[in-house]
């Protein structure tokens, strides 16, 4: 088997396994963006007030699902309903203990 045949076969296997793989790096990145925003908005870690305000504006701002990397766009790409997620996050503001418990899952 020539080296070009081996390379062709390896590339074929890579693309097949990527198509079958449940792990999608892009999805993981979006989940990390959302998790970071939630931690910044509600976490007890010492965050700059500007970071907290920016995270909360991103989480609770107007929903713009067509704007790439907006809260609604990220939520939809993670198969989450942005309206329901916003409502859930608003409940966290009223119950700080629940926030801390749930944030541990994101860390």
PDB file of N, CA and C in Angstrom:
ATOM      1  N   UNK A   1       0.857  -1.165   0.000  1.00  0.00           N
ATOM      2  CA  UNK A   1       0.000   0.000   0.000  1.00  0.00           C
ATOM      3  C   UNK A   1       0.905   1.229   0.000  1.00  0.00           C
ATOM      4  N   UNK A   2       0.711   2.138  -0.961  1.00  0.00           N
ATOM      5  CA  UNK A   2       1.521   3.341  -1.068  1.00  0.00           C
ATOM      6  C   UNK A   2       1.180   4.332   0.025  1.00  0.00           C
ATOM      7  N   UNK A   3       2.103   5.285   0.215  1.00  0.00           N
ATOM      8  CA  UNK A   3       1.884   6.275   1.277  1.00  0.00           C
ATOM      9  C   UNK A   3       0.670   7.150   0.996  1.00  0.00           C
ATOM     10  N   UNK A   4       0.383   7.406  -0.298  1.00  0.00           N
ATOM     11  CA  UNK A   4      -0.806   8.211  -0.602  1.00  0.00           C
ATOM     12  C   UNK A   4      -2.076   7.436  -0.292  1.00  0.00           C
ATOM     13  N   UNK A   5      -2.039   6.110  -0.463  1.00  0.00           N
ATOM     14  CA  UNK A   5      -3.203   5.290  -0.122  1.00  0.00           C
ATOM     15  C   UNK A   5      -3.439   5.283   1.381  1.00  0.00           C
ATOM     16  N   UNK A   6      -2.349   5.202   2.131  1.00  0.00           N
ATOM     17  CA  UNK A   6      -2.458   5.201   3.588  1.00  0.00           C
ATOM     18  C   UNK A   6      -3.016   6.544   4.064  1.00  0.00           C
ATOM     19  N   UNK A   7      -2.481   7.635   3.527  1.00  0.00           N
ATOM     20  CA  UNK A   7      -2.959   8.965   3.916  1.00  0.00           C
ATOM     21  C   UNK A   7      -4.420   9.138   3.554  1.00  0.00           C
ATOM     22  N   UNK A   8      -4.795   8.647   2.382  1.00  0.00           N
ATOM     23  CA  UNK A   8      -6.186   8.747   1.948  1.00  0.00           C
ATOM     24  C   UNK A   8      -7.091   7.972   2.886  1.00  0.00           C
ATOM     25  N   UNK A   9      -6.657   6.766   3.252  1.00  0.00           N
ATOM     26  CA  UNK A   9      -7.456   5.927   4.149  1.00  0.00           C
ATOM     27  C   UNK A   9      -7.559   6.573   5.540  1.00  0.00           C
ATOM     28  N   UNK A  10      -6.449   7.148   6.038  1.00  0.00           N
ATOM     29  CA  UNK A  10      -6.473   7.812   7.340  1.00  0.00           C
ATOM     30  C   UNK A  10      -7.413   9.006   7.327  1.00  0.00           C
ATOM     31  N   UNK A  11      -7.344   9.818   6.278  1.00  0.00           N
ATOM     32  CA  UNK A  11      -8.235  10.972   6.180  1.00  0.00           C
ATOM     33  C   UNK A  11      -9.684  10.538   6.099  1.00  0.00           C
ATOM     34  N   UNK A  12      -9.936   9.449   5.389  1.00  0.00           N
ATOM     35  CA  UNK A  12     -11.293   8.927   5.270  1.00  0.00           C
ATOM     36  C   UNK A  12     -11.803   8.482   6.638  1.00  0.00           C
ATOM     37  N   UNK A  13     -10.955   7.774   7.383  1.00  0.00           N
ATOM     38  CA  UNK A  13     -11.344   7.310   8.715  1.00  0.00           C
ATOM     39  C   UNK A  13     -11.565   8.479   9.667  1.00  0.00           C
ATOM     40  N   UNK A  14     -10.723   9.519   9.571  1.00  0.00           N
ATOM     41  CA  UNK A  14     -10.886  10.693  10.431  1.00  0.00           C
ATOM     42  C   UNK A  14     -12.220  11.372  10.189  1.00  0.00           C
ATOM     43  N   UNK A  15     -12.582  11.552   8.928  1.00  0.00           N
ATOM     44  CA  UNK A  15     -13.837  12.241   8.635  1.00  0.00           C
ATOM     45  C   UNK A  15     -15.038  11.393   9.029  1.00  0.00           C
ATOM     46  N   UNK A  16     -14.917  10.069   8.872  1.00  0.00           N
ATOM     47  CA  UNK A  16     -16.013   9.185   9.285  1.00  0.00           C
ATOM     48  C   UNK A  16     -16.183   9.214  10.799  1.00  0.00           C
ATOM     49  N   UNK A  17     -15.068   9.137  11.528  1.00  0.00           N
ATOM     50  CA  UNK A  17     -15.179   9.127  12.987  1.00  0.00           C
ATOM     51  C   UNK A  17     -15.651  10.481  13.501  1.00  0.00           C
ATOM     52  N   UNK A  18     -15.260  11.567  12.836  1.00  0.00           N
ATOM     53  CA  UNK A  18     -15.734  12.892  13.250  1.00  0.00           C
ATOM     54  C   UNK A  18     -17.237  13.010  13.053  1.00  0.00           C
ATOM     55  N   UNK A  19     -17.743  12.433  11.970  1.00  0.00           N
ATOM     56  CA  UNK A  19     -19.178  12.499  11.702  1.00  0.00           C
ATOM     57  C   UNK A  19     -19.961  11.663  12.706  1.00  0.00           C
ATOM     58  N   UNK A  20     -19.368  10.566  13.178  1.00  0.00           N
ATOM     59  CA  UNK A  20     -20.052   9.678  14.108  1.00  0.00           C
ATOM     60  C   UNK A  20     -19.830  10.071  15.568  1.00  0.00           C
ATOM     61  N   UNK A  21     -18.816  10.867  15.823  1.00  0.00           N
ATOM     62  CA  UNK A  21     -18.455  11.224  17.185  1.00  0.00           C
ATOM     63  C   UNK A  21     -19.513  12.119  17.826  1.00  0.00           C
ATOM     64  N   UNK A  22     -19.944  11.776  19.054  1.00  0.00           N
ATOM     65  CA  UNK A  22     -20.919  12.621  19.733  1.00  0.00           C
ATOM     66  C   UNK A  22     -20.283  13.911  20.270  1.00  0.00           C
ATOM     67  N   UNK A  23     -18.951  13.933  20.388  1.00  0.00           N
ATOM     68  CA  UNK A  23     -18.257  15.104  20.904  1.00  0.00           C
ATOM     69  C   UNK A  23     -18.031  16.086  19.762  1.00  0.00           C
ATOM     70  N   UNK A  24     -18.502  17.285  19.960  1.00  0.00           N
ATOM     71  CA  UNK A  24     -18.324  18.326  18.955  1.00  0.00           C
ATOM     72  C   UNK A  24     -17.596  19.485  19.634  1.00  0.00           C
ATOM     73  N   UNK A  25     -16.369  19.762  19.223  1.00  0.00           N
ATOM     74  CA  UNK A  25     -15.597  20.823  19.883  1.00  0.00           C
ATOM     75  C   UNK A  25     -16.298  22.176  19.862  1.00  0.00           C
ATOM     76  N   UNK A  26     -17.008  22.469  18.782  1.00  0.00           N
ATOM     77  CA  UNK A  26     -17.705  23.752  18.691  1.00  0.00           C
ATOM     78  C   UNK A  26     -18.780  23.860  19.763  1.00  0.00           C
ATOM     79  N   UNK A  27     -19.466  22.763  19.988  1.00  0.00           N
ATOM     80  CA  UNK A  27     -20.520  22.739  21.012  1.00  0.00           C
ATOM     81  C   UNK A  27     -19.907  22.915  22.404  1.00  0.00           C
ATOM     82  N   UNK A  28     -18.779  22.266  22.624  1.00  0.00           N
ATOM     83  CA  UNK A  28     -18.090  22.412  23.908  1.00  0.00           C
ATOM     84  C   UNK A  28     -17.658  23.859  24.133  1.00  0.00           C
ATOM     85  N   UNK A  29     -17.210  24.514  23.072  1.00  0.00           N
ATOM     86  CA  UNK A  29     -16.814  25.916  23.177  1.00  0.00           C
ATOM     87  C   UNK A  29     -18.007  26.790  23.558  1.00  0.00           C
ATOM     88  N   UNK A  30     -19.137  26.569  22.902  1.00  0.00           N
ATOM     89  CA  UNK A  30     -20.340  27.351  23.219  1.00  0.00           C
ATOM     90  C   UNK A  30     -20.794  27.099  24.651  1.00  0.00           C
ATOM     91  N   UNK A  31     -20.715  25.848  25.086  1.00  0.00           N
ATOM     92  CA  UNK A  31     -21.091  25.526  26.467  1.00  0.00           C
ATOM     93  C   UNK A  31     -20.157  26.235  27.446  1.00  0.00           C
ATOM     94  N   UNK A  32     -18.876  26.309  27.107  1.00  0.00           N
ATOM     95  CA  UNK A  32     -17.911  26.997  27.968  1.00  0.00           C
ATOM     96  C   UNK A  32     -18.198  28.496  28.029  1.00  0.00           C
ATOM     97  N   UNK A  33     -18.587  29.080  26.905  1.00  0.00           N
ATOM     98  CA  UNK A  33     -18.936  30.505  26.872  1.00  0.00           C
ATOM     99  C   UNK A  33     -20.125  30.765  27.794  1.00  0.00           C
ATOM    100  N   UNK A  34     -21.152  29.934  27.679  1.00  0.00           N
ATOM    101  CA  UNK A  34     -22.346  30.093  28.512  1.00  0.00           C
ATOM    102  C   UNK A  34     -22.010  29.887  29.994  1.00  0.00           C
ATOM    103  N   UNK A  35     -21.243  28.847  30.287  1.00  0.00           N
ATOM    104  CA  UNK A  35     -20.874  28.561  31.675  1.00  0.00           C
ATOM    105  C   UNK A  35     -20.065  29.709  32.275  1.00  0.00           C
ATOM    106  N   UNK A  36     -19.139  30.262  31.501  1.00  0.00           N
ATOM    107  CA  UNK A  36     -18.323  31.380  31.995  1.00  0.00           C
ATOM    108  C   UNK A  36     -19.191  32.595  32.307  1.00  0.00           C
ATOM    109  N   UNK A  37     -20.141  32.879  31.425  1.00  0.00           N
ATOM    110  CA  UNK A  37     -21.030  34.026  31.648  1.00  0.00           C
ATOM    111  C   UNK A  37     -21.858  33.827  32.915  1.00  0.00           C
ATOM    112  N   UNK A  38     -22.351  32.618  33.122  1.00  0.00           N
ATOM    113  CA  UNK A  38     -23.150  32.335  34.321  1.00  0.00           C
ATOM    114  C   UNK A  38     -22.283  32.460  35.573  1.00  0.00           C
ATOM    115  N   UNK A  39     -21.080  31.910  35.526  1.00  0.00           N
ATOM    116  CA  UNK A  39     -20.176  32.023  36.677  1.00  0.00           C
ATOM    117  C   UNK A  39     -19.819  33.478  36.959  1.00  0.00           C
ATOM    118  N   UNK A  40     -19.562  34.244  35.909  1.00  0.00           N
ATOM    119  CA  UNK A  40     -19.232  35.663  36.097  1.00  0.00           C
ATOM    120  C   UNK A  40     -20.417  36.441  36.660  1.00  0.00           C
ATOM    121  N   UNK A  41     -21.611  36.107  36.210  1.00  0.00           N
ATOM    122  CA  UNK A  41     -22.804  36.844  36.635  1.00  0.00           C
ATOM    123  C   UNK A  41     -23.230  36.501  38.059  1.00  0.00           C
ATOM    124  N   UNK A  42     -23.038  35.251  38.468  1.00  0.00           N
ATOM    125  CA  UNK A  42     -23.587  34.805  39.750  1.00  0.00           C
ATOM    126  C   UNK A  42     -22.564  34.254  40.728  1.00  0.00           C
ATOM    127  N   UNK A  43     -21.374  33.984  40.269  1.00  0.00           N
ATOM    128  CA  UNK A  43     -20.379  33.335  41.118  1.00  0.00           C
ATOM    129  C   UNK A  43     -19.929  34.204  42.269  1.00  0.00           C
ATOM    130  N   UNK A  44     -19.404  33.554  43.281  1.00  0.00           N
ATOM    131  CA  UNK A  44     -18.927  34.280  44.455  1.00  0.00           C
ATOM    132  C   UNK A  44     -17.466  34.690  44.298  1.00  0.00           C
ATOM    133  N   UNK A  45     -16.836  34.232  43.225  1.00  0.00           N
ATOM    134  CA  UNK A  45     -15.444  34.609  42.986  1.00  0.00           C
ATOM    135  C   UNK A  45     -15.356  36.120  42.806  1.00  0.00           C
ATOM    136  N   UNK A  46     -14.224  36.646  43.152  1.00  0.00           N
ATOM    137  CA  UNK A  46     -14.033  38.092  43.037  1.00  0.00           C
ATOM    138  C   UNK A  46     -13.956  38.479  41.567  1.00  0.00           C
ATOM    139  N   UNK A  47     -15.058  38.954  41.040  1.00  0.00           N
ATOM    140  CA  UNK A  47     -15.116  39.415  39.655  1.00  0.00           C
ATOM    141  C   UNK A  47     -15.196  40.929  39.659  1.00  0.00           C
ATOM    142  N   UNK A  48     -14.551  41.503  38.719  1.00  0.00           N
ATOM    143  CA  UNK A  48     -14.645  42.937  38.494  1.00  0.00           C
ATOM    144  C   UNK A  48     -16.113  43.283  38.247  1.00  0.00           C
ATOM    145  N   UNK A  49     -16.565  44.406  38.784  1.00  0.00           N
ATOM    146  CA  UNK A  49     -17.975  44.795  38.602  1.00  0.00           C
ATOM    147  C   UNK A  49     -18.341  44.902  37.127  1.00  0.00           C
ATOM    148  N   UNK A  50     -17.386  45.343  36.334  1.00  0.00           N
ATOM    149  CA  UNK A  50     -17.631  45.451  34.892  1.00  0.00           C
ATOM    150  C   UNK A  50     -17.900  44.070  34.286  1.00  0.00           C
ATOM    151  N   UNK A  51     -17.145  43.053  34.722  1.00  0.00           N
ATOM    152  CA  UNK A  51     -17.357  41.688  34.222  1.00  0.00           C
ATOM    153  C   UNK A  51     -18.735  41.172  34.613  1.00  0.00           C
ATOM    154  N   UNK A  52     -19.117  41.420  35.853  1.00  0.00           N
ATOM    155  CA  UNK A  52     -20.437  40.978  36.327  1.00  0.00           C
ATOM    156  C   UNK A  52     -21.529  41.662  35.517  1.00  0.00           C
ATOM    157  N   UNK A  53     -21.413  42.968  35.356  1.00  0.00           N
ATOM    158  CA  UNK A  53     -22.418  43.728  34.608  1.00  0.00           C
ATOM    159  C   UNK A  53     -22.479  43.264  33.148  1.00  0.00           C
ATOM    160  N   UNK A  54     -21.331  43.066  32.532  1.00  0.00           N
ATOM    161  CA  UNK A  54     -21.292  42.620  31.139  1.00  0.00           C
ATOM    162  C   UNK A  54     -21.915  41.235  30.993  1.00  0.00           C
ATOM    163  N   UNK A  55     -21.600  40.334  31.920  1.00  0.00           N
ATOM    164  CA  UNK A  55     -22.168  38.979  31.866  1.00  0.00           C
ATOM    165  C   UNK A  55     -23.682  39.025  32.030  1.00  0.00           C
ATOM    166  N   UNK A  56     -24.153  39.828  32.963  1.00  0.00           N
ATOM    167  CA  UNK A  56     -25.605  39.932  33.179  1.00  0.00           C
ATOM    168  C   UNK A  56     -26.310  40.580  31.993  1.00  0.00           C
ATOM    169  N   UNK A  57     -25.669  41.556  31.381  1.00  0.00           N
ATOM    170  CA  UNK A  57     -26.264  42.163  30.183  1.00  0.00           C
ATOM    171  C   UNK A  57     -26.365  41.137  29.066  1.00  0.00           C
ATOM    172  N   UNK A  58     -25.350  40.317  28.918  1.00  0.00           N
ATOM    173  CA  UNK A  58     -25.356  39.289  27.877  1.00  0.00           C
ATOM    174  C   UNK A  58     -26.446  38.255  28.159  1.00  0.00           C
ATOM    175  N   UNK A  59     -26.561  37.847  29.422  1.00  0.00           N
ATOM    176  CA  UNK A  59     -27.543  36.824  29.794  1.00  0.00           C
ATOM    177  C   UNK A  59     -28.980  37.333  29.740  1.00  0.00           C
ATOM    178  N   UNK A  60     -29.207  38.566  30.175  1.00  0.00           N
ATOM    179  CA  UNK A  60     -30.573  39.061  30.333  1.00  0.00           C
ATOM    180  C   UNK A  60     -30.973  40.125  29.323  1.00  0.00           C
ATOM    181  N   UNK A  61     -30.120  40.402  28.373  1.00  0.00           N
ATOM    182  CA  UNK A  61     -30.434  41.413  27.369  1.00  0.00           C
ATOM    183  C   UNK A  61     -31.499  40.928  26.394  1.00  0.00           C
ATOM    184  N   UNK A  62     -31.776  41.785  25.435  1.00  0.00           N
ATOM    185  CA  UNK A  62     -32.753  41.451  24.393  1.00  0.00           C
ATOM    186  C   UNK A  62     -32.278  40.205  23.649  1.00  0.00           C
ATOM    187  N   UNK A  63     -33.200  39.307  23.367  1.00  0.00           N
ATOM    188  CA  UNK A  63     -32.850  38.066  22.677  1.00  0.00           C
ATOM    189  C   UNK A  63     -32.674  38.333  21.184  1.00  0.00           C
ATOM    190  N   UNK A  64     -31.499  37.998  20.691  1.00  0.00           N
ATOM    191  CA  UNK A  64     -31.171  38.203  19.272  1.00  0.00           C
ATOM    192  C   UNK A  64     -30.633  36.895  18.701  1.00  0.00           C
ATOM    193  N   UNK A  65     -31.522  35.963  18.368  1.00  0.00           N
ATOM    194  CA  UNK A  65     -31.086  34.628  17.955  1.00  0.00           C
ATOM    195  C   UNK A  65     -30.315  34.584  16.640  1.00  0.00           C
ATOM    196  N   UNK A  66     -30.396  35.623  15.840  1.00  0.00           N
ATOM    197  CA  UNK A  66     -29.665  35.613  14.569  1.00  0.00           C
ATOM    198  C   UNK A  66     -28.278  36.231  14.695  1.00  0.00           C
ATOM    199  N   UNK A  67     -27.992  36.835  15.823  1.00  0.00           N
ATOM    200  CA  UNK A  67     -26.694  37.468  16.043  1.00  0.00           C
ATOM    201  C   UNK A  67     -25.716  36.431  16.595  1.00  0.00           C
ATOM    202  N   UNK A  68     -24.694  36.075  15.808  1.00  0.00           N
ATOM    203  CA  UNK A  68     -23.744  35.053  16.263  1.00  0.00           C
ATOM    204  C   UNK A  68     -23.133  35.400  17.621  1.00  0.00           C
ATOM    205  N   UNK A  69     -23.094  34.403  18.458  1.00  0.00           N
ATOM    206  CA  UNK A  69     -22.530  34.451  19.799  1.00  0.00           C
ATOM    207  C   UNK A  69     -23.327  35.301  20.782  1.00  0.00           C
ATOM    208  N   UNK A  70     -24.535  35.692  20.406  1.00  0.00           N
ATOM    209  CA  UNK A  70     -25.422  36.315  21.391  1.00  0.00           C
ATOM    210  C   UNK A  70     -25.929  35.208  22.317  1.00  0.00           C
ATOM    211  N   UNK A  71     -26.483  35.595  23.447  1.00  0.00           N
ATOM    212  CA  UNK A  71     -27.006  34.611  24.394  1.00  0.00           C
ATOM    213  C   UNK A  71     -28.023  33.683  23.731  1.00  0.00           C
ATOM    214  N   UNK A  72     -28.966  34.257  22.996  1.00  0.00           N
ATOM    215  CA  UNK A  72     -30.008  33.443  22.352  1.00  0.00           C
ATOM    216  C   UNK A  72     -29.399  32.515  21.310  1.00  0.00           C
ATOM    217  N   UNK A  73     -28.458  33.010  20.531  1.00  0.00           N
ATOM    218  CA  UNK A  73     -27.811  32.205  19.489  1.00  0.00           C
ATOM    219  C   UNK A  73     -27.060  31.031  20.118  1.00  0.00           C
ATOM    220  N   UNK A  74     -26.292  31.314  21.163  1.00  0.00           N
ATOM    221  CA  UNK A  74     -25.543  30.258  21.853  1.00  0.00           C
ATOM    222  C   UNK A  74     -26.512  29.237  22.441  1.00  0.00           C
ATOM    223  N   UNK A  75     -27.553  29.717  23.108  1.00  0.00           N
ATOM    224  CA  UNK A  75     -28.543  28.810  23.716  1.00  0.00           C
ATOM    225  C   UNK A  75     -29.156  27.889  22.674  1.00  0.00           C
ATOM    226  N   UNK A  76     -29.578  28.451  21.571  1.00  0.00           N
ATOM    227  CA  UNK A  76     -30.210  27.648  20.519  1.00  0.00           C
ATOM    228  C   UNK A  76     -29.244  26.624  19.939  1.00  0.00           C
ATOM    229  N   UNK A  77     -27.980  26.990  19.795  1.00  0.00           N
ATOM    230  CA  UNK A  77     -26.994  26.044  19.275  1.00  0.00           C
ATOM    231  C   UNK A  77     -26.667  24.945  20.286  1.00  0.00           C
ATOM    232  N   UNK A  78     -27.029  25.164  21.538  1.00  0.00           N
ATOM    233  CA  UNK A  78     -26.873  24.135  22.568  1.00  0.00           C
ATOM    234  C   UNK A  78     -28.189  23.404  22.826  1.00  0.00           C
ATOM    235  N   UNK A  79     -29.161  23.623  21.946  1.00  0.00           N
ATOM    236  CA  UNK A  79     -30.487  23.007  22.062  1.00  0.00           C
ATOM    237  C   UNK A  79     -31.196  23.401  23.358  1.00  0.00           C
ATOM    238  N   UNK A  80     -30.996  24.637  23.777  1.00  0.00           N
ATOM    239  CA  UNK A  80     -31.659  25.182  24.957  1.00  0.00           C
ATOM    240  C   UNK A  80     -32.603  26.292  24.523  1.00  0.00           C
ATOM    241  N   UNK A  81     -33.702  26.425  25.238  1.00  0.00           N
ATOM    242  CA  UNK A  81     -34.641  27.504  24.960  1.00  0.00           C
ATOM    243  C   UNK A  81     -34.162  28.756  25.690  1.00  0.00           C
ATOM    244  N   UNK A  82     -33.780  29.809  24.968  1.00  0.00           N
ATOM    245  CA  UNK A  82     -33.234  30.989  25.639  1.00  0.00           C
ATOM    246  C   UNK A  82     -34.210  31.666  26.599  1.00  0.00           C
ATOM    247  N   UNK A  83     -35.491  31.673  26.286  1.00  0.00           N
ATOM    248  CA  UNK A  83     -36.477  32.298  27.173  1.00  0.00           C
ATOM    249  C   UNK A  83     -36.558  31.525  28.487  1.00  0.00           C
ATOM    250  N   UNK A  84     -36.667  30.212  28.401  1.00  0.00           N
ATOM    251  CA  UNK A  84     -36.730  29.380  29.616  1.00  0.00           C
ATOM    252  C   UNK A  84     -35.445  29.494  30.425  1.00  0.00           C
ATOM    253  N   UNK A  85     -34.327  29.525  29.727  1.00  0.00           N
ATOM    254  CA  UNK A  85     -33.049  29.635  30.425  1.00  0.00           C
ATOM    255  C   UNK A  85     -32.939  30.980  31.144  1.00  0.00           C
ATOM    256  N   UNK A  86     -33.372  32.043  30.503  1.00  0.00           N
ATOM    257  CA  UNK A  86     -33.378  33.350  31.167  1.00  0.00           C
ATOM    258  C   UNK A  86     -34.259  33.323  32.414  1.00  0.00           C
ATOM    259  N   UNK A  87     -35.427  32.705  32.310  1.00  0.00           N
ATOM    260  CA  UNK A  87     -36.331  32.621  33.467  1.00  0.00           C
ATOM    261  C   UNK A  87     -35.675  31.854  34.612  1.00  0.00           C
ATOM    262  N   UNK A  88     -35.019  30.761  34.285  1.00  0.00           N
ATOM    263  CA  UNK A  88     -34.334  29.968  35.305  1.00  0.00           C
ATOM    264  C   UNK A  88     -33.219  30.778  35.954  1.00  0.00           C
ATOM    265  N   UNK A  89     -32.457  31.484  35.138  1.00  0.00           N
ATOM    266  CA  UNK A  89     -31.366  32.292  35.676  1.00  0.00           C
ATOM    267  C   UNK A  89     -31.891  33.425  36.553  1.00  0.00           C
ATOM    268  N   UNK A  90     -33.039  33.972  36.215  1.00  0.00           N
ATOM    269  CA  UNK A  90     -33.633  35.034  37.045  1.00  0.00           C
ATOM    270  C   UNK A  90     -34.006  34.484  38.427  1.00  0.00           C
ATOM    271  N   UNK A  91     -34.417  33.216  38.484  1.00  0.00           N
ATOM    272  CA  UNK A  91     -34.738  32.590  39.772  1.00  0.00           C
ATOM    273  C   UNK A  91     -33.490  32.493  40.647  1.00  0.00           C
ATOM    274  N   UNK A  92     -32.333  32.335  40.016  1.00  0.00           N
ATOM    275  CA  UNK A  92     -31.084  32.245  40.770  1.00  0.00           C
ATOM    276  C   UNK A  92     -30.813  33.520  41.558  1.00  0.00           C
ATOM    277  N   UNK A  93     -31.231  34.643  41.017  1.00  0.00           N
ATOM    278  CA  UNK A  93     -30.999  35.912  41.713  1.00  0.00           C
ATOM    279  C   UNK A  93     -31.717  35.934  43.054  1.00  0.00           C
ATOM    280  N   UNK A  94     -32.835  35.222  43.155  1.00  0.00           N
ATOM    281  CA  UNK A  94     -33.632  35.200  44.381  1.00  0.00           C
ATOM    282  C   UNK A  94     -33.159  34.152  45.380  1.00  0.00           C
ATOM    283  N   UNK A  95     -32.345  33.198  44.922  1.00  0.00           N
ATOM    284  CA  UNK A  95     -31.920  32.106  45.793  1.00  0.00           C
ATOM    285  C   UNK A  95     -30.415  31.859  45.630  1.00  0.00           C
ATOM    286  N   UNK A  96     -29.584  32.641  46.313  1.00  0.00           N
ATOM    287  CA  UNK A  96     -28.136  32.526  46.145  1.00  0.00           C
ATOM    288  C   UNK A  96     -27.575  31.147  46.476  1.00  0.00           C
ATOM    289  N   UNK A  97     -28.193  30.440  47.428  1.00  0.00           N
ATOM    290  CA  UNK A  97     -27.698  29.106  47.774  1.00  0.00           C
ATOM    291  C   UNK A  97     -27.865  28.143  46.607  1.00  0.00           C
ATOM    292  N   UNK A  98     -28.991  28.243  45.916  1.00  0.00           N
ATOM    293  CA  UNK A  98     -29.220  27.391  44.754  1.00  0.00           C
ATOM    294  C   UNK A  98     -28.191  27.714  43.673  1.00  0.00           C
ATOM    295  N   UNK A  99     -27.867  28.977  43.532  1.00  0.00           N
ATOM    296  CA  UNK A  99     -26.885  29.391  42.534  1.00  0.00           C
ATOM    297  C   UNK A  99     -25.553  28.721  42.813  1.00  0.00           C
ATOM    298  N   UNK A 100     -25.091  28.824  44.034  1.00  0.00           N
ATOM    299  CA  UNK A 100     -23.790  28.263  44.387  1.00  0.00           C
ATOM    300  C   UNK A 100     -23.757  26.760  44.143  1.00  0.00           C
ATOM    301  N   UNK A 101     -24.830  26.079  44.506  1.00  0.00           N
ATOM    302  CA  UNK A 101     -24.918  24.630  44.294  1.00  0.00           C
ATOM    303  C   UNK A 101     -24.839  24.291  42.807  1.00  0.00           C
ATOM    304  N   UNK A 102     -25.590  25.005  41.996  1.00  0.00           N
ATOM    305  CA  UNK A 102     -25.618  24.733  40.557  1.00  0.00           C
ATOM    306  C   UNK A 102     -24.319  25.138  39.867  1.00  0.00           C
ATOM    307  N   UNK A 103     -23.689  26.209  40.338  1.00  0.00           N
ATOM    308  CA  UNK A 103     -22.440  26.650  39.722  1.00  0.00           C
ATOM    309  C   UNK A 103     -21.335  25.622  39.891  1.00  0.00           C
ATOM    310  N   UNK A 104     -21.411  24.834  40.947  1.00  0.00           N
ATOM    311  CA  UNK A 104     -20.407  23.789  41.139  1.00  0.00           C
ATOM    312  C   UNK A 104     -20.406  22.796  39.987  1.00  0.00           C
ATOM    313  N   UNK A 105     -21.537  22.613  39.325  1.00  0.00           N
ATOM    314  CA  UNK A 105     -21.602  21.717  38.172  1.00  0.00           C
ATOM    315  C   UNK A 105     -20.869  22.300  36.973  1.00  0.00           C
ATOM    316  N   UNK A 106     -20.770  23.620  36.910  1.00  0.00           N
ATOM    317  CA  UNK A 106     -20.138  24.277  35.767  1.00  0.00           C
ATOM    318  C   UNK A 106     -18.630  24.396  35.915  1.00  0.00           C
ATOM    319  N   UNK A 107     -18.139  24.216  37.101  1.00  0.00           N
ATOM    320  CA  UNK A 107     -16.695  24.405  37.339  1.00  0.00           C
ATOM    321  C   UNK A 107     -15.925  23.139  37.097  1.00  0.00           C
TER     322      UNK A 107
END
